[in-house]
Amino acid sequence: MLKKLLDRATTMDADDIEVRQEHKHLLDIIVDNACSGRQKAVLAVTLTLLLKKHISPEQDIRYHMDRMEGGFSGRGLDHREVTPFLKKEDFPYMASGSGWLTRSLEQAVPYTLEYTGAIKPPELKTAFLTLVNDLPDTDVVPYILYVLRKLFDWRMVNASITLAKPTNRSIMEIIHMVEEHWNAHQPGVAKIPVIAIWAAYKCLLSEVCRFRDCSLDEIRSHTSADKDRWMGDVQIIGIDGNPVEAVEIKHNINLSVSLVAGFKNKIAGSGLSRFYILSTREDVPAEDLAEITEILIEIRSQYGCQVIINGVSSTLKYYLRLIKSPDQFIREYATAIESDKEIPYPLKIKWNELNSYEADE
């Protein structure tokens, strides 16, 4: 149930989830304390209480032990459902197996505003007890969604995961894995082909003589605006500090006349010797071929820049044949994915799944 709610939460913006603003503030305090490592137990207990309220709306969730009149086993539900979920999703979780295994939360008295457990810091205790005593009697699903969305946002930025770096894979196997990676139905996939081409250039720079004395720019943020120096998603910098070769990479966009023509002004006066326009859609519409060819000839004639249009997969196949060891490409690719904070956690997990690999816990 929690996994389905997490999947739903990832499609939403936390600001748009219909929870009262004062309650969002209380939930923020609970989540922030857990994510900072100070109080994971309160997060587990809060999520357990919300889940119980969703399953049994008539339950007074303040009565968190089945020995209490009208109570239920919060610890049992946490141990069975909540903490295993938090652990599996790499959210902050209690290594002991339940939030109720802490003295501050295991007292056999209801979670009323007068609860005497020593929950610290005091701000967290106030937030937790205020929320539990002020929850609506109706649908609490938005509250669960809000908590899961906040945890998801935290994980995207902060969670660490070791990515698979397999060896002895054939070029075709590598291409297939990378294609499967950028075809995943996940947010953030548009940056995957950029990282793949960047990783290939990282290998080529030390092996291809025409790149002697050149350097590779770091991968720019996919959300940043173009700067004067940026000519493409991937670019090679010459000895004078200016780009000499650049690659613009599109995901699921046709290599059309309008796309190619749109880069003409950008190339003018750039000093580039080569400019690649690549797309994960390999085919150029037949009706566009003649006009695209004319544009490429015109750019070459006017600006001395050779423009190459191609598919990302086709380009990768060619580049990997030039590299001495495809294993190096895998290392560069996986390391870049691993460290890129714009690549969502599910996409990192997807790479490991493609390699039948489980990261160390």
Protein backbone atom coordinates (compact mmCIF):
# COMPACT_ATOMS: atom_id res chain seq x y z
CA MET A 1 0.00 0.00 0.00
CA LEU A 2 2.77 2.45 0.93
CA LYS A 3 4.63 1.71 -2.32
CA LYS A 4 1.54 2.59 -4.36
CA LEU A 5 1.13 5.80 -2.40
CA LEU A 6 4.81 6.63 -2.95
CA ASP A 7 4.40 6.12 -6.70
CA ARG A 8 1.46 8.50 -6.57
CA ALA A 9 3.35 11.03 -4.46
CA THR A 10 6.24 11.21 -6.94
CA THR A 11 3.85 12.58 -9.58
CA MET A 12 2.79 15.45 -7.32
CA ASP A 13 4.30 18.67 -6.05
CA ALA A 14 4.39 18.92 -2.26
CA ASP A 15 2.93 22.44 -2.41
CA ASP A 16 -0.12 21.14 -4.28
CA ILE A 17 -0.99 18.32 -1.86
CA GLU A 18 -4.14 19.25 0.02
CA VAL A 19 -2.98 19.37 3.61
CA ARG A 20 -3.66 22.35 5.87
CA GLN A 21 -0.68 24.69 5.87
CA GLU A 22 -0.24 24.54 9.64
CA HIS A 23 -0.20 20.74 9.43
CA LYS A 24 2.37 20.83 6.63
CA HIS A 25 4.58 22.82 8.97
CA LEU A 26 4.23 20.14 11.65
CA LEU A 27 4.99 17.35 9.15
CA ASP A 28 8.02 19.31 7.91
CA ILE A 29 9.42 19.35 11.44
CA ILE A 30 8.95 15.59 11.78
CA VAL A 31 10.48 14.76 8.38
CA ASP A 32 13.35 17.23 8.73
CA ASN A 33 14.35 15.82 12.10
CA ALA A 34 14.38 12.29 10.70
CA CYS A 35 16.32 13.25 7.59
CA SER A 36 18.92 15.04 9.68
CA GLY A 37 19.41 11.80 11.63
CA ARG A 38 18.21 13.26 14.93
CA GLN A 39 14.87 11.49 15.37
CA LYS A 40 13.97 8.69 12.97
CA ALA A 41 11.64 7.05 15.51
CA VAL A 42 9.07 9.85 15.40
CA LEU A 43 8.90 9.56 11.60
CA ALA A 44 8.23 5.81 11.81
CA VAL A 45 5.56 6.28 14.47
CA THR A 46 3.90 9.18 12.62
CA LEU A 47 3.72 7.27 9.34
CA THR A 48 2.39 4.20 11.17
CA LEU A 49 -0.34 6.20 12.85
CA LEU A 50 -1.33 7.81 9.54
CA LEU A 51 -1.40 4.43 7.83
CA LYS A 52 -3.60 2.98 10.58
CA LYS A 53 -5.97 5.94 10.30
CA HIS A 54 -6.19 5.33 6.56
CA ILE A 55 -6.90 1.62 7.01
CA SER A 56 -9.31 2.12 9.95
CA PRO A 57 -10.75 5.67 9.90
CA GLU A 58 -12.74 4.97 13.06
CA GLN A 59 -9.58 4.21 15.09
CA ASP A 60 -8.40 6.73 17.66
CA ILE A 61 -4.71 6.47 16.74
CA ARG A 62 -3.58 8.09 19.97
CA TYR A 63 -4.23 4.70 21.61
CA HIS A 64 -1.21 3.08 20.08
CA MET A 65 -1.04 -0.18 22.10
CA ASP A 66 -3.50 -3.03 21.97
CA ARG A 67 -3.42 -3.28 25.79
CA MET A 68 -5.14 0.12 25.90
CA GLU A 69 -8.93 0.13 25.77
CA GLY A 70 -9.87 0.72 22.14
CA GLY A 71 -6.21 0.61 21.14
CA PHE A 72 -4.24 -1.18 18.43
CA SER A 73 -0.70 -2.48 18.05
CA GLY A 74 1.22 0.39 16.51
CA ARG A 75 4.52 -1.40 17.03
CA GLY A 76 3.25 -4.46 15.17
CA LEU A 77 2.10 -2.43 12.17
CA ASP A 78 5.35 -0.50 12.12
CA HIS A 79 7.44 -3.68 12.33
CA ARG A 80 5.46 -5.42 9.56
CA GLU A 81 4.82 -2.59 7.13
CA VAL A 82 6.32 0.82 7.82
CA THR A 83 9.95 0.34 8.84
CA PRO A 84 10.59 -2.37 6.17
CA PHE A 85 9.17 0.05 3.59
CA LEU A 86 11.34 2.93 4.81
CA LYS A 87 14.41 0.69 4.73
CA LYS A 88 13.69 -0.67 1.26
CA GLU A 89 13.17 2.82 -0.17
CA ASP A 90 16.37 4.13 1.45
CA PHE A 91 14.44 6.61 3.56
CA PRO A 92 15.48 7.30 7.17
CA TYR A 93 14.49 4.21 9.19
CA MET A 94 14.98 2.62 12.58
CA ALA A 95 17.65 -0.08 12.46
CA SER A 96 16.02 -1.63 15.55
CA GLY A 97 12.94 -2.44 13.45
CA SER A 98 10.39 -0.10 14.98
CA GLY A 99 10.00 3.44 16.25
CA TRP A 100 8.31 2.02 19.34
CA LEU A 101 11.60 0.53 20.51
CA THR A 102 12.63 3.90 21.91
CA ARG A 103 11.88 4.92 25.50
CA SER A 104 10.48 8.27 24.47
CA LEU A 105 7.67 6.67 22.44
CA GLU A 106 6.99 3.28 24.09
CA GLN A 107 5.20 4.51 27.20
CA ALA A 108 1.90 2.74 27.76
CA VAL A 109 -0.15 5.93 27.77
CA PRO A 110 -2.03 7.56 24.87
CA TYR A 111 -0.37 10.18 22.68
CA THR A 112 -2.44 13.04 24.09
CA LEU A 113 -1.12 16.57 24.47
CA GLU A 114 -0.19 15.60 28.04
CA TYR A 115 2.03 12.68 26.94
CA THR A 116 5.11 12.69 29.18
CA GLY A 117 7.60 10.80 27.00
CA ALA A 118 10.89 12.66 26.60
CA ILE A 119 10.70 13.27 22.85
CA LYS A 120 13.51 15.63 21.87
CA PRO A 121 13.92 18.31 20.73
CA PRO A 122 10.89 19.96 22.37
CA GLU A 123 9.81 21.44 19.03
CA LEU A 124 9.53 17.93 17.60
CA LYS A 125 7.48 16.68 20.57
CA THR A 126 5.08 19.60 20.17
CA ALA A 127 4.77 19.02 16.40
CA PHE A 128 4.14 15.28 16.79
CA LEU A 129 1.54 15.53 19.57
CA THR A 130 -0.22 18.52 18.00
CA LEU A 131 -0.54 16.70 14.68
CA VAL A 132 -1.78 13.43 16.19
CA ASN A 133 -4.39 15.27 18.26
CA ASP A 134 -5.55 17.52 15.43
CA LEU A 135 -5.82 15.13 12.48
CA PRO A 136 -9.05 15.23 10.49
CA ASP A 137 -11.51 12.38 11.00
CA THR A 138 -11.86 12.06 7.25
CA ASP A 139 -9.29 11.17 4.59
CA VAL A 140 -5.65 11.24 5.78
CA VAL A 141 -4.19 10.03 2.46
CA PRO A 142 -2.98 13.56 1.58
CA TYR A 143 -0.97 13.53 4.83
CA ILE A 144 0.73 10.27 3.86
CA LEU A 145 1.36 11.58 0.35
CA TYR A 146 2.91 14.76 1.74
CA VAL A 147 5.30 12.82 4.01
CA LEU A 148 6.30 10.47 1.17
CA ARG A 149 6.84 13.33 -1.25
CA LYS A 150 9.09 15.12 1.24
CA LEU A 151 11.06 11.91 1.80
CA PHE A 152 11.33 11.40 -1.95
CA ASP A 153 12.68 14.93 -2.41
CA TRP A 154 15.23 14.34 0.34
CA ARG A 155 16.33 11.05 -1.18
CA MET A 156 16.87 12.59 -4.61
CA VAL A 157 19.41 14.98 -3.16
CA ASN A 158 20.97 13.14 -0.26
CA ALA A 159 20.70 9.38 -0.57
CA SER A 160 23.88 7.60 -1.54
CA ILE A 161 23.92 4.47 -3.63
CA THR A 162 26.72 2.48 -5.19
CA LEU A 163 26.12 1.90 -8.88
CA ALA A 164 27.09 -1.21 -10.78
CA LYS A 165 30.26 -1.03 -12.85
CA PRO A 166 30.26 -4.38 -14.67
CA THR A 167 33.23 -5.59 -16.70
CA ASN A 168 33.70 -7.66 -19.82
CA ARG A 169 30.43 -6.57 -21.43
CA SER A 170 30.29 -6.45 -25.20
CA ILE A 171 29.67 -3.15 -26.98
CA MET A 172 26.20 -4.30 -28.00
CA GLU A 173 25.38 -5.27 -24.41
CA ILE A 174 26.51 -1.86 -23.20
CA ILE A 175 24.46 -0.04 -25.83
CA HIS A 176 21.40 -2.11 -24.94
CA MET A 177 21.76 -1.34 -21.21
CA VAL A 178 22.17 2.40 -21.80
CA GLU A 179 19.18 2.45 -24.17
CA GLU A 180 17.07 0.63 -21.61
CA HIS A 181 18.20 3.18 -19.04
CA TRP A 182 17.09 6.24 -21.01
CA ASN A 183 13.85 4.51 -22.04
CA ALA A 184 12.83 4.01 -18.40
CA HIS A 185 9.53 5.64 -17.54
CA GLN A 186 11.03 7.90 -14.91
CA PRO A 187 11.55 11.65 -14.48
CA GLY A 188 15.05 12.77 -15.39
CA VAL A 189 15.67 10.35 -18.28
CA ALA A 190 16.44 13.18 -20.72
CA LYS A 191 19.82 13.67 -19.06
CA ILE A 192 20.82 9.99 -19.40
CA PRO A 193 21.87 10.17 -23.10
CA VAL A 194 23.82 13.36 -22.29
CA ILE A 195 25.79 11.53 -19.62
CA ALA A 196 26.37 8.60 -21.98
CA ILE A 197 27.91 10.80 -24.68
CA TRP A 198 29.90 12.74 -22.07
CA ALA A 199 31.32 9.49 -20.66
CA ALA A 200 32.34 8.38 -24.15
CA TYR A 201 34.21 11.67 -24.71
CA LYS A 202 35.86 11.31 -21.30
CA CYS A 203 37.42 8.09 -22.61
CA LEU A 204 38.20 9.44 -26.08
CA LEU A 205 40.08 12.49 -24.87
CA SER A 206 43.10 10.47 -23.78
CA GLU A 207 43.08 8.20 -26.83
CA VAL A 208 42.29 10.30 -29.92
CA CYS A 209 45.10 12.50 -31.22
CA ARG A 210 42.84 15.33 -32.44
CA PHE A 211 41.88 15.98 -28.83
CA ARG A 212 45.49 16.49 -27.73
CA ASP A 213 45.74 19.52 -25.42
CA CYS A 214 41.94 19.62 -25.13
CA SER A 215 39.76 19.19 -22.06
CA LEU A 216 36.18 18.09 -21.46
CA ASP A 217 33.80 20.48 -19.76
CA GLU A 218 31.87 19.13 -16.81
CA ILE A 219 28.24 18.23 -17.39
CA ARG A 220 26.11 21.30 -16.87
CA SER A 221 22.84 21.35 -15.00
CA HIS A 222 19.95 20.34 -17.21
CA THR A 223 17.86 23.12 -15.71
CA SER A 224 20.37 25.96 -16.06
CA ALA A 225 20.09 28.60 -18.73
CA ASP A 226 22.63 28.66 -21.55
CA LYS A 227 25.66 30.82 -20.90
CA ASP A 228 27.82 32.51 -23.52
CA ARG A 229 30.43 29.79 -23.27
CA TRP A 230 27.99 26.91 -23.54
CA MET A 231 27.59 25.67 -27.10
CA GLY A 232 26.09 22.26 -26.35
CA ASP A 233 25.23 19.69 -23.71
CA VAL A 234 28.73 18.24 -24.09
CA GLN A 235 31.69 20.29 -25.24
CA ILE A 236 35.41 19.99 -25.81
CA ILE A 237 37.55 22.96 -24.79
CA GLY A 238 40.64 23.88 -26.79
CA ILE A 239 43.99 25.07 -25.48
CA ASP A 240 42.77 28.69 -25.66
CA GLY A 241 39.85 27.94 -23.32
CA ASN A 242 37.15 28.14 -25.98
CA PRO A 243 34.89 25.31 -27.21
CA VAL A 244 36.18 23.59 -30.35
CA GLU A 245 33.62 20.78 -30.53
CA ALA A 246 30.14 20.58 -29.05
CA VAL A 247 27.30 18.09 -28.94
CA GLU A 248 23.63 18.93 -28.55
CA ILE A 249 21.61 15.91 -27.41
CA LYS A 250 17.86 15.49 -27.66
CA HIS A 251 15.69 12.79 -26.14
CA ASN A 252 12.69 11.53 -28.12
CA ILE A 253 12.81 14.47 -30.52
CA ASN A 254 12.98 14.04 -34.29
CA LEU A 255 16.05 15.18 -36.22
CA SER A 256 13.99 17.57 -38.32
CA VAL A 257 14.65 20.60 -40.52
CA SER A 258 13.40 22.99 -37.84
CA LEU A 259 15.66 21.42 -35.22
CA VAL A 260 18.79 21.66 -37.37
CA ALA A 261 18.01 25.15 -38.67
CA GLY A 262 17.52 26.36 -35.11
CA PHE A 263 21.23 25.94 -34.38
CA LYS A 264 22.50 28.00 -37.30
CA ASN A 265 22.69 31.29 -35.39
CA LYS A 266 24.26 29.57 -32.41
CA ILE A 267 27.08 28.21 -34.56
CA ALA A 268 27.74 31.57 -36.25
CA GLY A 269 30.92 33.08 -34.84
CA SER A 270 31.36 30.25 -32.33
CA GLY A 271 34.74 29.07 -33.65
CA LEU A 272 33.56 25.45 -33.48
CA SER A 273 35.12 23.01 -35.93
CA ARG A 274 32.46 20.34 -35.32
CA PHE A 275 28.95 20.47 -33.96
CA TYR A 276 26.91 17.32 -33.40
CA ILE A 277 23.13 17.19 -33.16
CA LEU A 278 22.13 13.83 -31.74
CA SER A 279 18.79 12.35 -30.79
CA THR A 280 17.62 9.11 -29.23
CA ARG A 281 15.23 9.02 -32.19
CA GLU A 282 17.60 7.73 -34.84
CA ASP A 283 15.65 8.29 -38.04
CA VAL A 284 15.55 11.52 -40.02
CA PRO A 285 12.18 12.04 -41.77
CA ALA A 286 12.72 11.27 -45.46
CA GLU A 287 11.02 14.50 -46.53
CA ASP A 288 13.54 16.50 -44.50
CA LEU A 289 16.77 14.95 -45.78
CA ALA A 290 17.35 17.18 -48.81
CA GLU A 291 16.66 20.42 -46.92
CA ILE A 292 18.77 19.38 -43.95
CA THR A 293 21.66 18.59 -46.29
CA GLU A 294 21.41 22.09 -47.78
CA ILE A 295 21.51 23.66 -44.31
CA LEU A 296 24.58 21.63 -43.36
CA ILE A 297 26.42 22.65 -46.53
CA GLU A 298 25.49 26.30 -45.93
CA ILE A 299 26.80 26.24 -42.36
CA ARG A 300 30.02 24.57 -43.48
CA SER A 301 30.51 27.14 -46.22
CA GLN A 302 29.72 30.22 -44.11
CA TYR A 303 31.22 29.33 -40.74
CA GLY A 304 33.70 26.53 -41.40
CA CYS A 305 31.90 24.25 -38.95
CA GLN A 306 31.05 20.69 -39.85
CA VAL A 307 27.63 19.79 -38.46
CA ILE A 308 26.89 16.10 -38.00
CA ILE A 309 23.40 14.80 -37.24
CA ASN A 310 23.01 11.28 -35.97
CA GLY A 311 21.37 9.04 -33.42
CA VAL A 312 22.77 8.76 -29.91
CA SER A 313 22.97 4.96 -30.12
CA SER A 314 24.75 5.00 -33.48
CA THR A 315 27.25 7.55 -32.20
CA LEU A 316 27.89 5.55 -29.03
CA LYS A 317 28.54 2.39 -31.04
CA TYR A 318 31.13 4.20 -33.12
CA TYR A 319 32.81 5.84 -30.13
CA LEU A 320 32.97 2.63 -28.12
CA ARG A 321 34.77 0.93 -31.02
CA LEU A 322 37.44 3.61 -30.78
CA ILE A 323 37.96 3.14 -27.05
CA LYS A 324 40.55 0.60 -25.96
CA SER A 325 38.43 -0.72 -23.11
CA PRO A 326 34.63 -0.41 -23.02
CA ASP A 327 34.98 -1.14 -19.29
CA GLN A 328 36.33 2.40 -18.91
CA PHE A 329 33.17 3.81 -20.47
CA ILE A 330 31.04 1.86 -17.99
CA ARG A 331 33.09 3.22 -15.09
CA GLU A 332 32.80 6.82 -16.30
CA TYR A 333 29.09 6.49 -17.05
CA ALA A 334 28.14 4.86 -13.75
CA THR A 335 30.29 7.25 -11.72
CA ALA A 336 28.67 10.27 -13.41
CA ILE A 337 25.15 8.89 -12.80
CA GLU A 338 26.08 8.07 -9.22
CA SER A 339 27.22 11.61 -8.38
CA ASP A 340 24.66 13.60 -10.39
CA LYS A 341 22.08 15.10 -8.04
CA GLU A 342 19.69 15.74 -10.93
CA ILE A 343 19.36 12.03 -11.62
CA PRO A 344 16.46 10.78 -9.46
CA TYR A 345 17.04 7.86 -7.13
CA PRO A 346 14.69 5.50 -9.07
CA LEU A 347 16.84 5.96 -12.19
CA LYS A 348 19.94 5.00 -10.24
CA ILE A 349 18.15 1.91 -8.96
CA LYS A 350 17.10 1.15 -12.55
CA TRP A 351 20.74 0.99 -13.67
CA ASN A 352 21.52 -1.54 -10.96
CA GLU A 353 18.47 -3.57 -11.94
CA LEU A 354 19.68 -3.63 -15.53
CA ASN A 355 22.93 -5.08 -14.24
CA SER A 356 21.27 -7.50 -11.80
CA TYR A 357 23.23 -5.82 -9.05
CA GLU A 358 22.33 -4.82 -5.54
CA ALA A 359 24.18 -1.96 -3.92
CA ASP A 360 25.69 -2.47 -0.49
CA GLU A 361 23.36 -1.38 2.27
